[in-house]
Amino acid sequence: MKHITLSLLTALTLGLAAPASAADCYADYKAKQDDPLRLHYGVAQVRGACDRGSAQAELSQRLRAQGWTLLNVVSVFGPEGLAQRRASAGSNYLRF
């Protein structure tokens, strides 16, 4: 019984100390299209490393495939930042 309790405690401690997985990583960004000029602010899930540089590389390709040019990644954040950005992103909330 003591062994099971210790194992469970160790597993829980490791689980809480683990960094957020890529499934829990999001970025907000600004993008544009030319001719005619269109701008948008959006929020997207990032599947790679959860840092600004990786998000920029990933989103640049994803947006380019849909005819958009990434201007910049504003920030990278976890699920706790989704609700506050939803209204600002509008139809570009988790679209790309």
N, C-alpha and C. Protein backbone atom coordinates (compact mmCIF):
# COMPACT_ATOMS: atom_id res chain seq x y z
N MET A 1 0.82 -1.19 0.00
CA MET A 1 0.00 0.00 0.00
C MET A 1 0.87 1.26 0.00
N LYS A 2 1.92 1.24 0.82
CA LYS A 2 2.82 2.39 0.90
C LYS A 2 3.50 2.62 -0.46
N HIS A 3 3.86 1.53 -1.13
CA HIS A 3 4.50 1.62 -2.44
C HIS A 3 3.56 2.25 -3.48
N ILE A 4 2.30 1.87 -3.46
CA ILE A 4 1.31 2.42 -4.40
C ILE A 4 1.10 3.91 -4.15
N THR A 5 1.01 4.30 -2.89
CA THR A 5 0.82 5.71 -2.54
C THR A 5 2.01 6.54 -2.99
N LEU A 6 3.21 6.02 -2.75
CA LEU A 6 4.43 6.72 -3.16
C LEU A 6 4.51 6.85 -4.68
N SER A 7 4.16 5.80 -5.40
CA SER A 7 4.17 5.83 -6.86
C SER A 7 3.16 6.83 -7.40
N LEU A 8 1.98 6.84 -6.80
CA LEU A 8 0.95 7.79 -7.23
C LEU A 8 1.38 9.22 -6.96
N LEU A 9 1.96 9.48 -5.82
CA LEU A 9 2.44 10.81 -5.48
C LEU A 9 3.54 11.26 -6.44
N THR A 10 4.45 10.36 -6.77
CA THR A 10 5.52 10.66 -7.72
C THR A 10 4.96 10.98 -9.09
N ALA A 11 4.01 10.20 -9.55
CA ALA A 11 3.40 10.42 -10.86
C ALA A 11 2.69 11.76 -10.91
N LEU A 12 1.96 12.09 -9.87
CA LEU A 12 1.27 13.38 -9.83
C LEU A 12 2.24 14.54 -9.81
N THR A 13 3.31 14.42 -9.06
CA THR A 13 4.32 15.48 -8.98
C THR A 13 4.97 15.70 -10.34
N LEU A 14 5.33 14.63 -11.01
CA LEU A 14 5.93 14.75 -12.33
C LEU A 14 4.96 15.34 -13.34
N GLY A 15 3.70 14.95 -13.24
CA GLY A 15 2.69 15.48 -14.15
C GLY A 15 2.49 16.97 -13.97
N LEU A 16 2.52 17.44 -12.74
CA LEU A 16 2.34 18.87 -12.48
C LEU A 16 3.56 19.68 -12.88
N ALA A 17 4.73 19.07 -12.81
CA ALA A 17 5.96 19.78 -13.12
C ALA A 17 6.27 19.78 -14.61
N ALA A 18 5.58 18.97 -15.37
CA ALA A 18 5.86 18.87 -16.81
C ALA A 18 5.44 20.15 -17.52
N PRO A 19 6.21 20.57 -18.52
CA PRO A 19 5.84 21.77 -19.27
C PRO A 19 4.58 21.52 -20.10
N ALA A 20 3.94 22.57 -20.50
CA ALA A 20 2.75 22.45 -21.34
C ALA A 20 3.11 21.77 -22.64
N SER A 21 2.27 20.90 -23.10
CA SER A 21 2.53 20.21 -24.36
C SER A 21 2.19 21.13 -25.52
N ALA A 22 2.62 20.75 -26.71
CA ALA A 22 2.33 21.56 -27.89
C ALA A 22 0.83 21.69 -28.12
N ALA A 23 0.05 20.71 -27.66
CA ALA A 23 -1.40 20.79 -27.80
C ALA A 23 -1.97 21.91 -26.95
N ASP A 24 -1.21 22.39 -25.99
CA ASP A 24 -1.66 23.47 -25.10
C ASP A 24 -1.02 24.80 -25.46
N CYS A 25 -0.47 24.94 -26.64
CA CYS A 25 0.25 26.15 -27.03
C CYS A 25 -0.52 26.90 -28.12
N TYR A 26 -0.62 28.21 -27.95
CA TYR A 26 -1.33 29.05 -28.90
C TYR A 26 -0.52 30.31 -29.15
N ALA A 27 -0.78 30.95 -30.28
CA ALA A 27 -0.12 32.22 -30.60
C ALA A 27 -1.15 33.18 -31.16
N ASP A 28 -1.01 34.45 -30.83
CA ASP A 28 -1.80 35.44 -31.53
C ASP A 28 -0.87 36.17 -32.49
N TYR A 29 -1.40 36.56 -33.62
CA TYR A 29 -0.57 37.05 -34.72
C TYR A 29 -1.32 38.10 -35.53
N LYS A 30 -0.56 38.79 -36.39
CA LYS A 30 -1.14 39.73 -37.35
C LYS A 30 -0.70 39.28 -38.74
N ALA A 31 -1.62 39.35 -39.70
CA ALA A 31 -1.33 38.90 -41.07
C ALA A 31 -1.98 39.85 -42.07
N LYS A 32 -1.53 39.76 -43.32
CA LYS A 32 -2.10 40.62 -44.37
C LYS A 32 -2.24 39.87 -45.68
N GLN A 33 -3.09 40.41 -46.53
CA GLN A 33 -3.20 40.01 -47.94
C GLN A 33 -3.07 41.30 -48.75
N ASP A 34 -2.50 41.19 -49.94
CA ASP A 34 -2.37 42.35 -50.83
C ASP A 34 -3.37 42.27 -51.97
N ASP A 35 -3.66 43.43 -52.52
CA ASP A 35 -4.45 43.59 -53.75
C ASP A 35 -5.83 42.95 -53.70
N PRO A 36 -6.76 43.46 -52.97
CA PRO A 36 -6.70 44.67 -52.13
C PRO A 36 -6.10 44.34 -50.77
N LEU A 37 -5.56 45.37 -50.12
CA LEU A 37 -4.96 45.18 -48.81
C LEU A 37 -6.02 44.78 -47.79
N ARG A 38 -5.75 43.68 -47.11
CA ARG A 38 -6.62 43.20 -46.02
C ARG A 38 -5.71 42.81 -44.86
N LEU A 39 -6.10 43.18 -43.67
CA LEU A 39 -5.33 42.86 -42.48
C LEU A 39 -6.20 42.04 -41.54
N HIS A 40 -5.58 41.15 -40.78
CA HIS A 40 -6.33 40.47 -39.74
C HIS A 40 -5.46 40.11 -38.55
N TYR A 41 -6.13 40.03 -37.42
CA TYR A 41 -5.53 39.57 -36.16
C TYR A 41 -6.16 38.21 -35.91
N GLY A 42 -5.35 37.24 -35.52
CA GLY A 42 -5.89 35.91 -35.27
C GLY A 42 -5.20 35.19 -34.14
N VAL A 43 -5.80 34.10 -33.75
CA VAL A 43 -5.26 33.21 -32.74
C VAL A 43 -5.22 31.82 -33.35
N ALA A 44 -4.08 31.15 -33.21
CA ALA A 44 -3.91 29.81 -33.79
C ALA A 44 -3.23 28.88 -32.81
N GLN A 45 -3.54 27.61 -32.91
CA GLN A 45 -2.85 26.61 -32.11
C GLN A 45 -1.51 26.33 -32.76
N VAL A 46 -0.48 26.22 -31.95
CA VAL A 46 0.87 25.93 -32.43
C VAL A 46 1.19 24.49 -32.08
N ARG A 47 1.60 23.72 -33.07
CA ARG A 47 1.85 22.29 -32.86
C ARG A 47 3.30 21.98 -32.55
N GLY A 48 4.20 22.86 -32.94
CA GLY A 48 5.63 22.63 -32.68
C GLY A 48 6.02 23.12 -31.31
N ALA A 49 7.27 23.53 -31.19
CA ALA A 49 7.75 24.07 -29.91
C ALA A 49 6.95 25.31 -29.54
N CYS A 50 6.77 25.50 -28.27
CA CYS A 50 5.93 26.60 -27.79
C CYS A 50 6.79 27.83 -27.51
N ASP A 51 7.31 28.43 -28.59
CA ASP A 51 8.07 29.66 -28.47
C ASP A 51 7.79 30.53 -29.70
N ARG A 52 8.10 31.79 -29.60
CA ARG A 52 7.75 32.75 -30.65
C ARG A 52 8.38 32.39 -32.00
N GLY A 53 9.64 31.99 -32.01
CA GLY A 53 10.32 31.65 -33.27
C GLY A 53 9.69 30.47 -33.98
N SER A 54 9.39 29.43 -33.24
CA SER A 54 8.76 28.25 -33.82
C SER A 54 7.35 28.57 -34.30
N ALA A 55 6.63 29.36 -33.52
CA ALA A 55 5.28 29.76 -33.91
C ALA A 55 5.32 30.56 -35.20
N GLN A 56 6.29 31.45 -35.32
CA GLN A 56 6.41 32.26 -36.53
C GLN A 56 6.67 31.39 -37.76
N ALA A 57 7.56 30.43 -37.64
CA ALA A 57 7.86 29.55 -38.78
C ALA A 57 6.64 28.72 -39.17
N GLU A 58 5.97 28.17 -38.18
CA GLU A 58 4.81 27.32 -38.45
C GLU A 58 3.64 28.12 -39.03
N LEU A 59 3.34 29.27 -38.42
CA LEU A 59 2.20 30.07 -38.89
C LEU A 59 2.47 30.72 -40.24
N SER A 60 3.71 31.08 -40.49
CA SER A 60 4.05 31.67 -41.78
C SER A 60 3.69 30.72 -42.92
N GLN A 61 4.06 29.45 -42.78
CA GLN A 61 3.74 28.44 -43.80
C GLN A 61 2.23 28.21 -43.89
N ARG A 62 1.59 28.07 -42.75
CA ARG A 62 0.16 27.78 -42.72
C ARG A 62 -0.65 28.92 -43.35
N LEU A 63 -0.30 30.15 -43.03
CA LEU A 63 -1.01 31.30 -43.58
C LEU A 63 -0.72 31.48 -45.07
N ARG A 64 0.54 31.30 -45.46
CA ARG A 64 0.93 31.44 -46.86
C ARG A 64 0.14 30.49 -47.76
N ALA A 65 -0.12 29.29 -47.27
CA ALA A 65 -0.90 28.31 -48.04
C ALA A 65 -2.32 28.79 -48.31
N GLN A 66 -2.81 29.74 -47.50
CA GLN A 66 -4.16 30.29 -47.67
C GLN A 66 -4.13 31.71 -48.25
N GLY A 67 -2.96 32.15 -48.76
CA GLY A 67 -2.85 33.45 -49.41
C GLY A 67 -2.59 34.62 -48.48
N TRP A 68 -2.17 34.36 -47.25
CA TRP A 68 -1.88 35.41 -46.28
C TRP A 68 -0.38 35.49 -46.01
N THR A 69 0.09 36.67 -45.62
CA THR A 69 1.48 36.87 -45.22
C THR A 69 1.50 37.19 -43.74
N LEU A 70 2.26 36.43 -42.98
CA LEU A 70 2.40 36.68 -41.55
C LEU A 70 3.21 37.95 -41.35
N LEU A 71 2.67 38.88 -40.59
CA LEU A 71 3.40 40.11 -40.27
C LEU A 71 4.21 39.93 -38.99
N ASN A 72 3.58 39.42 -37.95
CA ASN A 72 4.31 39.12 -36.72
C ASN A 72 3.49 38.26 -35.78
N VAL A 73 4.22 37.57 -34.91
CA VAL A 73 3.60 36.82 -33.83
C VAL A 73 3.62 37.76 -32.63
N VAL A 74 2.45 38.08 -32.12
CA VAL A 74 2.33 39.01 -31.00
C VAL A 74 2.80 38.35 -29.71
N SER A 75 2.30 37.15 -29.44
CA SER A 75 2.71 36.42 -28.23
C SER A 75 2.38 34.95 -28.38
N VAL A 76 2.98 34.15 -27.49
CA VAL A 76 2.74 32.72 -27.40
C VAL A 76 2.26 32.46 -25.98
N PHE A 77 1.21 31.65 -25.84
CA PHE A 77 0.59 31.47 -24.53
C PHE A 77 -0.10 30.12 -24.44
N GLY A 78 -0.55 29.78 -23.25
CA GLY A 78 -1.26 28.53 -23.01
C GLY A 78 -2.77 28.75 -23.07
N PRO A 79 -3.53 27.73 -22.76
CA PRO A 79 -5.00 27.81 -22.86
C PRO A 79 -5.62 28.89 -21.97
N GLU A 80 -4.90 29.31 -20.93
CA GLU A 80 -5.44 30.34 -20.06
C GLU A 80 -5.60 31.69 -20.76
N GLY A 81 -4.94 31.88 -21.91
CA GLY A 81 -5.04 33.15 -22.62
C GLY A 81 -6.06 33.16 -23.75
N LEU A 82 -6.73 32.04 -23.99
CA LEU A 82 -7.67 31.95 -25.12
C LEU A 82 -8.89 32.84 -24.96
N ALA A 83 -9.55 32.78 -23.83
CA ALA A 83 -10.82 33.48 -23.64
C ALA A 83 -10.68 34.98 -23.84
N GLN A 84 -9.60 35.58 -23.35
CA GLN A 84 -9.44 37.02 -23.47
C GLN A 84 -9.15 37.48 -24.89
N ARG A 85 -8.77 36.59 -25.78
CA ARG A 85 -8.44 36.96 -27.16
C ARG A 85 -9.53 36.59 -28.16
N ARG A 86 -10.50 35.83 -27.73
CA ARG A 86 -11.52 35.31 -28.64
C ARG A 86 -12.28 36.40 -29.38
N ALA A 87 -12.77 37.40 -28.68
CA ALA A 87 -13.56 38.47 -29.30
C ALA A 87 -12.72 39.27 -30.29
N SER A 88 -11.47 39.55 -29.94
CA SER A 88 -10.60 40.33 -30.82
C SER A 88 -10.27 39.59 -32.11
N ALA A 89 -10.14 38.28 -32.03
CA ALA A 89 -9.79 37.48 -33.21
C ALA A 89 -10.99 37.23 -34.12
N GLY A 90 -12.18 37.29 -33.57
CA GLY A 90 -13.39 37.11 -34.38
C GLY A 90 -13.36 35.82 -35.18
N SER A 91 -13.58 35.94 -36.50
CA SER A 91 -13.63 34.75 -37.36
C SER A 91 -12.25 34.10 -37.54
N ASN A 92 -11.20 34.77 -37.11
CA ASN A 92 -9.83 34.21 -37.21
C ASN A 92 -9.38 33.57 -35.91
N TYR A 93 -10.33 33.26 -35.04
CA TYR A 93 -10.05 32.56 -33.79
C TYR A 93 -9.93 31.07 -34.10
N LEU A 94 -8.71 30.55 -33.98
CA LEU A 94 -8.40 29.14 -34.26
C LEU A 94 -8.78 28.72 -35.68
N ARG A 95 -8.74 29.66 -36.61
CA ARG A 95 -9.08 29.38 -38.01
C ARG A 95 -7.91 28.75 -38.76
N PHE A 96 -6.71 29.22 -38.50
CA PHE A 96 -5.53 28.72 -39.24
C PHE A 96 -4.67 27.83 -38.39
